[in-house]
PDB file of N, CA and C in Angstrom:
ATOM      1  N   MET A   1      42.484-201.531  54.621  1.00  0.00           N
ATOM      2  CA  MET A   1      41.984-200.274  54.157  1.00  0.00           C
ATOM      3  C   MET A   1      41.301-200.442  52.800  1.00  0.00           C
ATOM      4  N   ILE A   2      40.697-199.406  52.383  1.00  0.00           N
ATOM      5  CA  ILE A   2      39.939-199.462  51.140  1.00  0.00           C
ATOM      6  C   ILE A   2      40.849-199.670  49.941  1.00  0.00           C
ATOM      7  N   PHE A   3      42.000-199.007  49.905  1.00  0.00           N
ATOM      8  CA  PHE A   3      42.856-199.042  48.724  1.00  0.00           C
ATOM      9  C   PHE A   3      43.957-200.094  48.807  1.00  0.00           C
ATOM     10  N   ASP A   4      43.892-201.019  49.748  1.00  0.00           N
ATOM     11  CA  ASP A   4      44.939-202.032  49.876  1.00  0.00           C
ATOM     12  C   ASP A   4      45.007-202.923  48.653  1.00  0.00           C
ATOM     13  N   ASN A   5      43.893-203.201  48.008  1.00  0.00           N
ATOM     14  CA  ASN A   5      43.923-204.116  46.869  1.00  0.00           C
ATOM     15  C   ASN A   5      43.920-203.389  45.526  1.00  0.00           C
ATOM     16  N   ALA A   6      44.102-202.080  45.502  1.00  0.00           N
ATOM     17  CA  ALA A   6      44.156-201.331  44.250  1.00  0.00           C
ATOM     18  C   ALA A   6      45.456-201.646  43.537  1.00  0.00           C
ATOM     19  N   LYS A   7      45.369-201.910  42.240  1.00  0.00           N
ATOM     20  CA  LYS A   7      46.554-202.259  41.459  1.00  0.00           C
ATOM     21  C   LYS A   7      46.721-201.255  40.330  1.00  0.00           C
ATOM     22  N   GLY A   8      47.868-201.199  39.773  1.00  0.00           N
ATOM     23  CA  GLY A   8      48.123-200.312  38.650  1.00  0.00           C
ATOM     24  C   GLY A   8      48.851-199.061  39.100  1.00  0.00           C
ATOM     25  N   GLN A   9      49.147-198.214  38.113  1.00  0.00           N
ATOM     26  CA  GLN A   9      49.884-196.993  38.410  1.00  0.00           C
ATOM     27  C   GLN A   9      48.970-195.966  39.069  1.00  0.00           C
ATOM     28  N   SER A  10      49.573-195.201  39.900  1.00  0.00           N
ATOM     29  CA  SER A  10      48.788-194.144  40.534  1.00  0.00           C
ATOM     30  C   SER A  10      48.620-192.993  39.544  1.00  0.00           C
ATOM     31  N   ARG A  11      47.516-192.345  39.621  1.00  0.00           N
ATOM     32  CA  ARG A  11      47.249-191.217  38.722  1.00  0.00           C
ATOM     33  C   ARG A  11      47.802-189.948  39.344  1.00  0.00           C
ATOM     34  N   GLN A  12      48.395-189.166  38.512  1.00  0.00           N
ATOM     35  CA  GLN A  12      48.909-187.898  39.009  1.00  0.00           C
ATOM     36  C   GLN A  12      48.032-186.771  38.474  1.00  0.00           C
ATOM     37  N   LEU A  13      47.839-185.798  39.305  1.00  0.00           N
ATOM     38  CA  LEU A  13      47.063-184.640  38.885  1.00  0.00           C
ATOM     39  C   LEU A  13      47.880-183.809  37.908  1.00  0.00           C
ATOM     40  N   SER A  14      47.223-183.278  36.917  1.00  0.00           N
ATOM     41  CA  SER A  14      47.948-182.441  35.961  1.00  0.00           C
ATOM     42  C   SER A  14      48.247-181.094  36.619  1.00  0.00           C
ATOM     43  N   HIS A  15      49.284-180.472  36.146  1.00  0.00           N
ATOM     44  CA  HIS A  15      49.678-179.177  36.687  1.00  0.00           C
ATOM     45  C   HIS A  15      49.441-178.091  35.645  1.00  0.00           C
ATOM     46  N   ARG A  16      48.329-178.217  34.935  1.00  0.00           N
ATOM     47  CA  ARG A  16      47.995-177.203  33.934  1.00  0.00           C
ATOM     48  C   ARG A  16      47.675-175.888  34.620  1.00  0.00           C
ATOM     49  N   GLN A  17      47.943-174.833  33.899  1.00  0.00           N
ATOM     50  CA  GLN A  17      47.579-173.520  34.420  1.00  0.00           C
ATOM     51  C   GLN A  17      46.104-173.259  34.146  1.00  0.00           C
ATOM     52  N   LEU A  18      45.528-172.471  34.991  1.00  0.00           N
ATOM     53  CA  LEU A  18      44.139-172.092  34.779  1.00  0.00           C
ATOM     54  C   LEU A  18      44.054-171.127  33.606  1.00  0.00           C
ATOM     55  N   PRO A  19      42.927-171.121  32.906  1.00  0.00           N
ATOM     56  CA  PRO A  19      42.777-170.157  31.811  1.00  0.00           C
ATOM     57  C   PRO A  19      42.755-168.741  32.376  1.00  0.00           C
ATOM     58  N   PRO A  20      43.100-167.771  31.552  1.00  0.00           N
ATOM     59  CA  PRO A  20      43.088-166.388  32.048  1.00  0.00           C
ATOM     60  C   PRO A  20      41.667-165.992  32.453  1.00  0.00           C
ATOM     61  N   PRO A  21      41.541-165.067  33.372  1.00  0.00           N
ATOM     62  CA  PRO A  21      40.199-164.660  33.799  1.00  0.00           C
ATOM     63  C   PRO A  21      39.442-163.984  32.660  1.00  0.00           C
ATOM     64  N   ALA A  22      38.136-164.075  32.718  1.00  0.00           N
ATOM     65  CA  ALA A  22      37.295-163.447  31.705  1.00  0.00           C
ATOM     66  C   ALA A  22      37.461-161.935  31.789  1.00  0.00           C
ATOM     67  N   PRO A  23      37.414-161.260  30.650  1.00  0.00           N
ATOM     68  CA  PRO A  23      37.563-159.801  30.691  1.00  0.00           C
ATOM     69  C   PRO A  23      36.398-159.165  31.446  1.00  0.00           C
ATOM     70  N   VAL A  24      36.687-158.092  32.114  1.00  0.00           N
ATOM     71  CA  VAL A  24      35.666-157.357  32.855  1.00  0.00           C
ATOM     72  C   VAL A  24      34.945-156.440  31.880  1.00  0.00           C
ATOM     73  N   LEU A  25      33.618-156.442  31.946  1.00  0.00           N
ATOM     74  CA  LEU A  25      32.837-155.580  31.067  1.00  0.00           C
ATOM     75  C   LEU A  25      33.115-154.120  31.395  1.00  0.00           C
ATOM     76  N   PRO A  26      33.086-153.256  30.396  1.00  0.00           N
ATOM     77  CA  PRO A  26      33.324-151.839  30.676  1.00  0.00           C
ATOM     78  C   PRO A  26      32.228-151.285  31.580  1.00  0.00           C
ATOM     79  N   LYS A  27      32.637-150.403  32.457  1.00  0.00           N
ATOM     80  CA  LYS A  27      31.667-149.820  33.381  1.00  0.00           C
ATOM     81  C   LYS A  27      30.927-148.680  32.699  1.00  0.00           C
ATOM     82  N   MET A  28      29.664-148.563  33.036  1.00  0.00           N
ATOM     83  CA  MET A  28      28.831-147.522  32.467  1.00  0.00           C
ATOM     84  C   MET A  28      28.248-146.719  33.618  1.00  0.00           C
ATOM     85  N   GLU A  29      28.651-145.496  33.739  1.00  0.00           N
ATOM     86  CA  GLU A  29      28.174-144.609  34.792  1.00  0.00           C
ATOM     87  C   GLU A  29      28.382-145.203  36.184  1.00  0.00           C
ATOM     88  N   GLY A  30      29.536-145.789  36.399  1.00  0.00           N
ATOM     89  CA  GLY A  30      29.882-146.274  37.730  1.00  0.00           C
ATOM     90  C   GLY A  30      29.367-147.653  38.057  1.00  0.00           C
ATOM     91  N   SER A  31      28.636-148.290  37.160  1.00  0.00           N
ATOM     92  CA  SER A  31      28.155-149.635  37.437  1.00  0.00           C
ATOM     93  C   SER A  31      28.095-150.415  36.133  1.00  0.00           C
ATOM     94  N   LEU A  32      27.961-151.717  36.261  1.00  0.00           N
ATOM     95  CA  LEU A  32      27.839-152.526  35.063  1.00  0.00           C
ATOM     96  C   LEU A  32      26.499-152.229  34.396  1.00  0.00           C
ATOM     97  N   PRO A  33      26.452-152.288  33.055  1.00  0.00           N
ATOM     98  CA  PRO A  33      25.186-152.028  32.376  1.00  0.00           C
ATOM     99  C   PRO A  33      24.151-153.085  32.761  1.00  0.00           C
ATOM    100  N   THR A  34      22.966-152.661  33.065  1.00  0.00           N
ATOM    101  CA  THR A  34      21.898-153.585  33.419  1.00  0.00           C
ATOM    102  C   THR A  34      20.678-153.277  32.572  1.00  0.00           C
ATOM    103  N   ARG A  35      19.742-154.184  32.614  1.00  0.00           N
ATOM    104  CA  ARG A  35      18.500-153.963  31.876  1.00  0.00           C
ATOM    105  C   ARG A  35      17.770-152.730  32.419  1.00  0.00           C
ATOM    106  N   ALA A  36      17.826-152.557  33.738  1.00  0.00           N
ATOM    107  CA  ALA A  36      17.164-151.397  34.347  1.00  0.00           C
ATOM    108  C   ALA A  36      17.776-150.094  33.839  1.00  0.00           C
ATOM    109  N   ASN A  37      19.115-150.056  33.736  1.00  0.00           N
ATOM    110  CA  ASN A  37      19.781-148.847  33.224  1.00  0.00           C
ATOM    111  C   ASN A  37      19.388-148.589  31.773  1.00  0.00           C
ATOM    112  N   ALA A  38      19.339-149.657  30.983  1.00  0.00           N
ATOM    113  CA  ALA A  38      18.985-149.506  29.571  1.00  0.00           C
ATOM    114  C   ALA A  38      17.545-149.010  29.430  1.00  0.00           C
ATOM    115  N   THR A  39      16.637-149.553  30.247  1.00  0.00           N
ATOM    116  CA  THR A  39      15.240-149.125  30.201  1.00  0.00           C
ATOM    117  C   THR A  39      15.107-147.667  30.609  1.00  0.00           C
ATOM    118  N   LYS A  40      15.865-147.270  31.629  1.00  0.00           N
ATOM    119  CA  LYS A  40      15.817-145.880  32.091  1.00  0.00           C
ATOM    120  C   LYS A  40      16.307-144.939  30.990  1.00  0.00           C
ATOM    121  N   LYS A  41      17.397-145.308  30.317  1.00  0.00           N
ATOM    122  CA  LYS A  41      17.917-144.460  29.235  1.00  0.00           C
ATOM    123  C   LYS A  41      16.904-144.366  28.090  1.00  0.00           C
ATOM    124  N   TYR A  42      16.244-145.479  27.800  1.00  0.00           N
ATOM    125  CA  TYR A  42      15.234-145.535  26.741  1.00  0.00           C
ATOM    126  C   TYR A  42      14.065-144.609  27.091  1.00  0.00           C
ATOM    127  N   LYS A  43      13.593-144.706  28.330  1.00  0.00           N
ATOM    128  CA  LYS A  43      12.488-143.857  28.796  1.00  0.00           C
ATOM    129  C   LYS A  43      12.917-142.390  28.833  1.00  0.00           C
ATOM    130  N   ASP A  44      14.142-142.135  29.299  1.00  0.00           N
ATOM    131  CA  ASP A  44      14.661-140.763  29.334  1.00  0.00           C
ATOM    132  C   ASP A  44      14.734-140.161  27.929  1.00  0.00           C
ATOM    133  N   SER A  45      15.027-141.006  26.938  1.00  0.00           N
ATOM    134  CA  SER A  45      15.084-140.540  25.556  1.00  0.00           C
ATOM    135  C   SER A  45      13.700-140.074  25.098  1.00  0.00           C
ATOM    136  N   LEU A  46      12.663-140.839  25.440  1.00  0.00           N
ATOM    137  CA  LEU A  46      11.301-140.431  25.087  1.00  0.00           C
ATOM    138  C   LEU A  46      10.912-139.158  25.831  1.00  0.00           C
ATOM    139  N   ILE A  47      11.263-139.070  27.098  1.00  0.00           N
ATOM    140  CA  ILE A  47      10.958-137.863  27.878  1.00  0.00           C
ATOM    141  C   ILE A  47      11.648-136.644  27.265  1.00  0.00           C
ATOM    142  N   ALA A  48      12.886-136.823  26.795  1.00  0.00           N
ATOM    143  CA  ALA A  48      13.602-135.717  26.139  1.00  0.00           C
ATOM    144  C   ALA A  48      12.873-135.296  24.861  1.00  0.00           C
ATOM    145  N   ASP A  49      12.369-136.279  24.086  1.00  0.00           N
ATOM    146  CA  ASP A  49      11.606-135.955  22.875  1.00  0.00           C
ATOM    147  C   ASP A  49      10.330-135.184  23.224  1.00  0.00           C
ATOM    148  N   VAL A  50       9.657-135.617  24.296  1.00  0.00           N
ATOM    149  CA  VAL A  50       8.433-134.935  24.737  1.00  0.00           C
ATOM    150  C   VAL A  50       8.755-133.503  25.156  1.00  0.00           C
ATOM    151  N   ASN A  51       9.802-133.332  25.950  1.00  0.00           N
ATOM    152  CA  ASN A  51      10.185-131.985  26.402  1.00  0.00           C
ATOM    153  C   ASN A  51      10.525-131.073  25.229  1.00  0.00           C
ATOM    154  N   GLU A  52      11.237-131.624  24.247  1.00  0.00           N
ATOM    155  CA  GLU A  52      11.601-130.824  23.072  1.00  0.00           C
ATOM    156  C   GLU A  52      10.351-130.390  22.304  1.00  0.00           C
ATOM    157  N   ALA A  53       9.410-131.316  22.125  1.00  0.00           N
ATOM    158  CA  ALA A  53       8.172-130.978  21.410  1.00  0.00           C
ATOM    159  C   ALA A  53       7.360-129.940  22.184  1.00  0.00           C
ATOM    160  N   ILE A  54       7.321-130.076  23.503  1.00  0.00           N
ATOM    161  CA  ILE A  54       6.596-129.104  24.328  1.00  0.00           C
ATOM    162  C   ILE A  54       7.247-127.728  24.208  1.00  0.00           C
ATOM    163  N   ASN A  55       8.573-127.683  24.273  1.00  0.00           N
ATOM    164  CA  ASN A  55       9.281-126.400  24.167  1.00  0.00           C
ATOM    165  C   ASN A  55       9.043-125.730  22.818  1.00  0.00           C
ATOM    166  N   GLN A  56       8.946-126.533  21.762  1.00  0.00           N
ATOM    167  CA  GLN A  56       8.717-125.966  20.432  1.00  0.00           C
ATOM    168  C   GLN A  56       7.277-125.491  20.254  1.00  0.00           C
ATOM    169  N   GLY A  57       6.332-126.155  20.920  1.00  0.00           N
ATOM    170  CA  GLY A  57       4.932-125.811  20.701  1.00  0.00           C
ATOM    171  C   GLY A  57       4.266-125.081  21.843  1.00  0.00           C
ATOM    172  N   ILE A  58       5.037-124.656  22.822  1.00  0.00           N
ATOM    173  CA  ILE A  58       4.463-124.075  24.038  1.00  0.00           C
ATOM    174  C   ILE A  58       3.708-122.769  23.792  1.00  0.00           C
ATOM    175  N   ASN A  59       4.149-121.934  22.884  1.00  0.00           N
ATOM    176  CA  ASN A  59       3.495-120.637  22.652  1.00  0.00           C
ATOM    177  C   ASN A  59       2.626-120.632  21.399  1.00  0.00           C
ATOM    178  N   THR A  60       2.180-121.791  20.977  1.00  0.00           N
ATOM    179  CA  THR A  60       1.323-121.872  19.795  1.00  0.00           C
ATOM    180  C   THR A  60      -0.089-122.249  20.224  1.00  0.00           C
ATOM    181  N   THR A  61      -1.036-122.036  19.338  1.00  0.00           N
ATOM    182  CA  THR A  61      -2.423-122.387  19.646  1.00  0.00           C
ATOM    183  C   THR A  61      -2.769-123.801  19.201  1.00  0.00           C
ATOM    184  N   SER A  62      -1.940-124.382  18.357  1.00  0.00           N
ATOM    185  CA  SER A  62      -2.234-125.733  17.871  1.00  0.00           C
ATOM    186  C   SER A  62      -1.778-126.780  18.895  1.00  0.00           C
ATOM    187  N   PRO A  63      -2.427-127.944  18.890  1.00  0.00           N
ATOM    188  CA  PRO A  63      -2.018-129.015  19.807  1.00  0.00           C
ATOM    189  C   PRO A  63      -0.580-129.456  19.527  1.00  0.00           C
ATOM    190  N   ILE A  64       0.059-129.998  20.527  1.00  0.00           N
ATOM    191  CA  ILE A  64       1.445-130.458  20.404  1.00  0.00           C
ATOM    192  C   ILE A  64       1.425-131.940  20.060  1.00  0.00           C
ATOM    193  N   SER A  65       2.077-132.297  18.955  1.00  0.00           N
ATOM    194  CA  SER A  65       2.143-133.688  18.513  1.00  0.00           C
ATOM    195  C   SER A  65       3.553-134.223  18.741  1.00  0.00           C
ATOM    196  N   ILE A  66       3.632-135.394  19.356  1.00  0.00           N
ATOM    197  CA  ILE A  66       4.931-136.012  19.647  1.00  0.00           C
ATOM    198  C   ILE A  66       4.958-137.389  18.997  1.00  0.00           C
ATOM    199  N   GLY A  67       5.901-137.598  18.079  1.00  0.00           N
ATOM    200  CA  GLY A  67       6.033-138.898  17.433  1.00  0.00           C
ATOM    201  C   GLY A  67       6.612-139.933  18.389  1.00  0.00           C
ATOM    202  N   VAL A  68       5.915-141.056  18.526  1.00  0.00           N
ATOM    203  CA  VAL A  68       6.356-142.100  19.459  1.00  0.00           C
ATOM    204  C   VAL A  68       6.436-143.473  18.794  1.00  0.00           C
ATOM    205  N   ALA A  69       6.464-143.507  17.466  1.00  0.00           N
ATOM    206  CA  ALA A  69       6.434-144.780  16.747  1.00  0.00           C
ATOM    207  C   ALA A  69       7.618-145.678  17.088  1.00  0.00           C
ATOM    208  N   LYS A  70       8.759-145.090  17.410  1.00  0.00           N
ATOM    209  CA  LYS A  70       9.956-145.902  17.660  1.00  0.00           C
ATOM    210  C   LYS A  70      10.043-146.421  19.091  1.00  0.00           C
ATOM    211  N   TYR A  71       9.051-146.085  19.929  1.00  0.00           N
ATOM    212  CA  TYR A  71       9.104-146.473  21.338  1.00  0.00           C
ATOM    213  C   TYR A  71       8.133-147.605  21.657  1.00  0.00           C
ATOM    214  N   ASN A  72       8.494-148.382  22.651  1.00  0.00           N
ATOM    215  CA  ASN A  72       7.679-149.480  23.140  1.00  0.00           C
ATOM    216  C   ASN A  72       6.397-148.921  23.764  1.00  0.00           C
ATOM    217  N   PRO A  73       5.237-149.526  23.469  1.00  0.00           N
ATOM    218  CA  PRO A  73       3.973-149.019  24.025  1.00  0.00           C
ATOM    219  C   PRO A  73       3.943-148.941  25.558  1.00  0.00           C
ATOM    220  N   ALA A  74       4.603-149.860  26.237  1.00  0.00           N
ATOM    221  CA  ALA A  74       4.621-149.822  27.705  1.00  0.00           C
ATOM    222  C   ALA A  74       5.321-148.560  28.203  1.00  0.00           C
ATOM    223  N   VAL A  75       6.412-148.181  27.546  1.00  0.00           N
ATOM    224  CA  VAL A  75       7.142-146.971  27.934  1.00  0.00           C
ATOM    225  C   VAL A  75       6.316-145.736  27.580  1.00  0.00           C
ATOM    226  N   VAL A  76       5.642-145.771  26.435  1.00  0.00           N
ATOM    227  CA  VAL A  76       4.778-144.651  26.044  1.00  0.00           C
ATOM    228  C   VAL A  76       3.673-144.473  27.086  1.00  0.00           C
ATOM    229  N   ASN A  77       3.087-145.578  27.544  1.00  0.00           N
ATOM    230  CA  ASN A  77       2.033-145.492  28.562  1.00  0.00           C
ATOM    231  C   ASN A  77       2.556-144.876  29.857  1.00  0.00           C
ATOM    232  N   GLU A  78       3.780-145.241  30.252  1.00  0.00           N
ATOM    233  CA  GLU A  78       4.380-144.656  31.459  1.00  0.00           C
ATOM    234  C   GLU A  78       4.544-143.139  31.306  1.00  0.00           C
ATOM    235  N   VAL A  79       5.004-142.722  30.141  1.00  0.00           N
ATOM    236  CA  VAL A  79       5.223-141.294  29.904  1.00  0.00           C
ATOM    237  C   VAL A  79       3.880-140.557  29.837  1.00  0.00           C
ATOM    238  N   ILE A  80       2.861-141.172  29.253  1.00  0.00           N
ATOM    239  CA  ILE A  80       1.526-140.559  29.239  1.00  0.00           C
ATOM    240  C   ILE A  80       1.036-140.367  30.670  1.00  0.00           C
ATOM    241  N   SER A  81       1.264-141.360  31.509  1.00  0.00           N
ATOM    242  CA  SER A  81       0.875-141.255  32.919  1.00  0.00           C
ATOM    243  C   SER A  81       1.600-140.091  33.596  1.00  0.00           C
ATOM    244  N   LEU A  82       2.903-139.959  33.310  1.00  0.00           N
ATOM    245  CA  LEU A  82       3.676-138.843  33.873  1.00  0.00           C
ATOM    246  C   LEU A  82       3.145-137.496  33.377  1.00  0.00           C
ATOM    247  N   LEU A  83       2.788-137.433  32.101  1.00  0.00           N
ATOM    248  CA  LEU A  83       2.235-136.193  31.545  1.00  0.00           C
ATOM    249  C   LEU A  83       0.919-135.829  32.236  1.00  0.00           C
ATOM    250  N   ASN A  84       0.056-136.832  32.425  1.00  0.00           N
ATOM    251  CA  ASN A  84      -1.226-136.575  33.099  1.00  0.00           C
ATOM    252  C   ASN A  84      -1.008-136.094  34.531  1.00  0.00           C
ATOM    253  N   LYS A  85      -0.057-136.705  35.226  1.00  0.00           N
ATOM    254  CA  LYS A  85       0.240-136.294  36.605  1.00  0.00           C
ATOM    255  C   LYS A  85       0.806-134.879  36.653  1.00  0.00           C
ATOM    256  N   SER A  86       1.461-134.464  35.568  1.00  0.00           N
ATOM    257  CA  SER A  86       2.050-133.121  35.505  1.00  0.00           C
ATOM    258  C   SER A  86       1.048-132.068  35.054  1.00  0.00           C
ATOM    259  N   GLY A  87      -0.182-132.477  34.781  1.00  0.00           N
ATOM    260  CA  GLY A  87      -1.209-131.515  34.406  1.00  0.00           C
ATOM    261  C   GLY A  87      -1.455-131.378  32.915  1.00  0.00           C
ATOM    262  N   TRP A  88      -0.781-132.155  32.094  1.00  0.00           N
ATOM    263  CA  TRP A  88      -1.001-132.089  30.650  1.00  0.00           C
ATOM    264  C   TRP A  88      -2.233-132.906  30.295  1.00  0.00           C
ATOM    265  N   ASP A  89      -2.963-132.440  29.298  1.00  0.00           N
ATOM    266  CA  ASP A  89      -4.137-133.150  28.806  1.00  0.00           C
ATOM    267  C   ASP A  89      -3.737-133.894  27.537  1.00  0.00           C
ATOM    268  N   VAL A  90      -3.647-135.217  27.638  1.00  0.00           N
ATOM    269  CA  VAL A  90      -3.329-136.033  26.466  1.00  0.00           C
ATOM    270  C   VAL A  90      -4.650-136.235  25.733  1.00  0.00           C
ATOM    271  N   THR A  91      -4.852-135.443  24.671  1.00  0.00           N
ATOM    272  CA  THR A  91      -6.151-135.446  23.993  1.00  0.00           C
ATOM    273  C   THR A  91      -6.342-136.646  23.081  1.00  0.00           C
ATOM    274  N   SER A  92      -5.265-137.177  22.526  1.00  0.00           N
ATOM    275  CA  SER A  92      -5.407-138.377  21.699  1.00  0.00           C
ATOM    276  C   SER A  92      -4.084-139.114  21.597  1.00  0.00           C
ATOM    277  N   LEU A  93      -4.227-140.354  21.200  1.00  0.00           N
ATOM    278  CA  LEU A  93      -3.078-141.231  20.998  1.00  0.00           C
ATOM    279  C   LEU A  93      -3.288-141.876  19.640  1.00  0.00           C
ATOM    280  N   ASN A  94      -2.514-141.477  18.658  1.00  0.00           N
ATOM    281  CA  ASN A  94      -2.677-142.019  17.310  1.00  0.00           C
ATOM    282  C   ASN A  94      -2.046-143.401  17.216  1.00  0.00           C
ATOM    283  N   ILE A  95      -2.762-144.302  16.545  1.00  0.00           N
ATOM    284  CA  ILE A  95      -2.291-145.678  16.376  1.00  0.00           C
ATOM    285  C   ILE A  95      -2.175-145.945  14.881  1.00  0.00           C
ATOM    286  N   ASP A  96      -1.030-146.530  14.483  1.00  0.00           N
ATOM    287  CA  ASP A  96      -0.827-146.797  13.057  1.00  0.00           C
ATOM    288  C   ASP A  96      -1.549-148.090  12.646  1.00  0.00           C
ATOM    289  N   GLY A  97      -1.395-148.482  11.392  1.00  0.00           N
ATOM    290  CA  GLY A  97      -2.064-149.664  10.854  1.00  0.00           C
ATOM    291  C   GLY A  97      -1.649-150.974  11.494  1.00  0.00           C
ATOM    292  N   ASN A  98      -0.494-150.991  12.150  1.00  0.00           N
ATOM    293  CA  ASN A  98      -0.008-152.211  12.797  1.00  0.00           C
ATOM    294  C   ASN A  98      -0.436-152.311  14.252  1.00  0.00           C
ATOM    295  N   GLY A  99      -1.162-151.325  14.736  1.00  0.00           N
ATOM    296  CA  GLY A  99      -1.584-151.332  16.133  1.00  0.00           C
ATOM    297  C   GLY A  99      -0.569-150.720  17.074  1.00  0.00           C
ATOM    298  N   SER A 100       0.485-150.126  16.535  1.00  0.00           N
ATOM    299  CA  SER A 100       1.502-149.475  17.364  1.00  0.00           C
ATOM    300  C   SER A 100       1.170-147.997  17.515  1.00  0.00           C
ATOM    301  N   TYR A 101       1.616-147.424  18.614  1.00  0.00           N
ATOM    302  CA  TYR A 101       1.418-145.992  18.831  1.00  0.00           C
ATOM    303  C   TYR A 101       2.268-145.216  17.840  1.00  0.00           C
ATOM    304  N   SER A 102       1.696-144.171  17.261  1.00  0.00           N
ATOM    305  CA  SER A 102       2.478-143.358  16.330  1.00  0.00           C
ATOM    306  C   SER A 102       2.681-141.938  16.837  1.00  0.00           C
ATOM    307  N   ALA A 103       1.714-141.410  17.606  1.00  0.00           N
ATOM    308  CA  ALA A 103       1.862-140.040  18.107  1.00  0.00           C
ATOM    309  C   ALA A 103       0.990-139.813  19.337  1.00  0.00           C
ATOM    310  N   ILE A 104       1.485-138.937  20.215  1.00  0.00           N
ATOM    311  CA  ILE A 104       0.722-138.448  21.362  1.00  0.00           C
ATOM    312  C   ILE A 104       0.360-137.003  21.025  1.00  0.00           C
ATOM    313  N   ILE A 105      -0.887-136.629  21.257  1.00  0.00           N
ATOM    314  CA  ILE A 105      -1.321-135.256  21.015  1.00  0.00           C
ATOM    315  C   ILE A 105      -1.648-134.620  22.365  1.00  0.00           C
ATOM    316  N   LEU A 106      -0.978-133.505  22.674  1.00  0.00           N
ATOM    317  CA  LEU A 106      -1.191-132.779  23.931  1.00  0.00           C
ATOM    318  C   LEU A 106      -1.902-131.469  23.663  1.00  0.00           C
ATOM    319  N   SER A 107      -2.695-131.046  24.635  1.00  0.00           N
ATOM    320  CA  SER A 107      -3.302-129.711  24.525  1.00  0.00           C
ATOM    321  C   SER A 107      -3.232-129.020  25.868  1.00  0.00           C
TER     322      SER A 107
END
């Protein structure tokens, strides 16, 4: 056989215990937090800001300005698309000195 000429002491397997299992991440709204959930919450936050600005300026004659400096331009573009589909006229998009969006103007 293969091991007929093996010499020396036989090795014994250790009987160490396995480490404790890794802690389970806290559940968020019935599921583990994901990038998709975080992006949705981020976008929902901008939509809430837009809705609040619309509600405040709905009965005025001046255009409605919504500050978007703290939001990612890709998310701002998605929300602008949603506004256009909903019938809002996005008359301008203000850009700050760094090239980031600073405000959406609706009429």
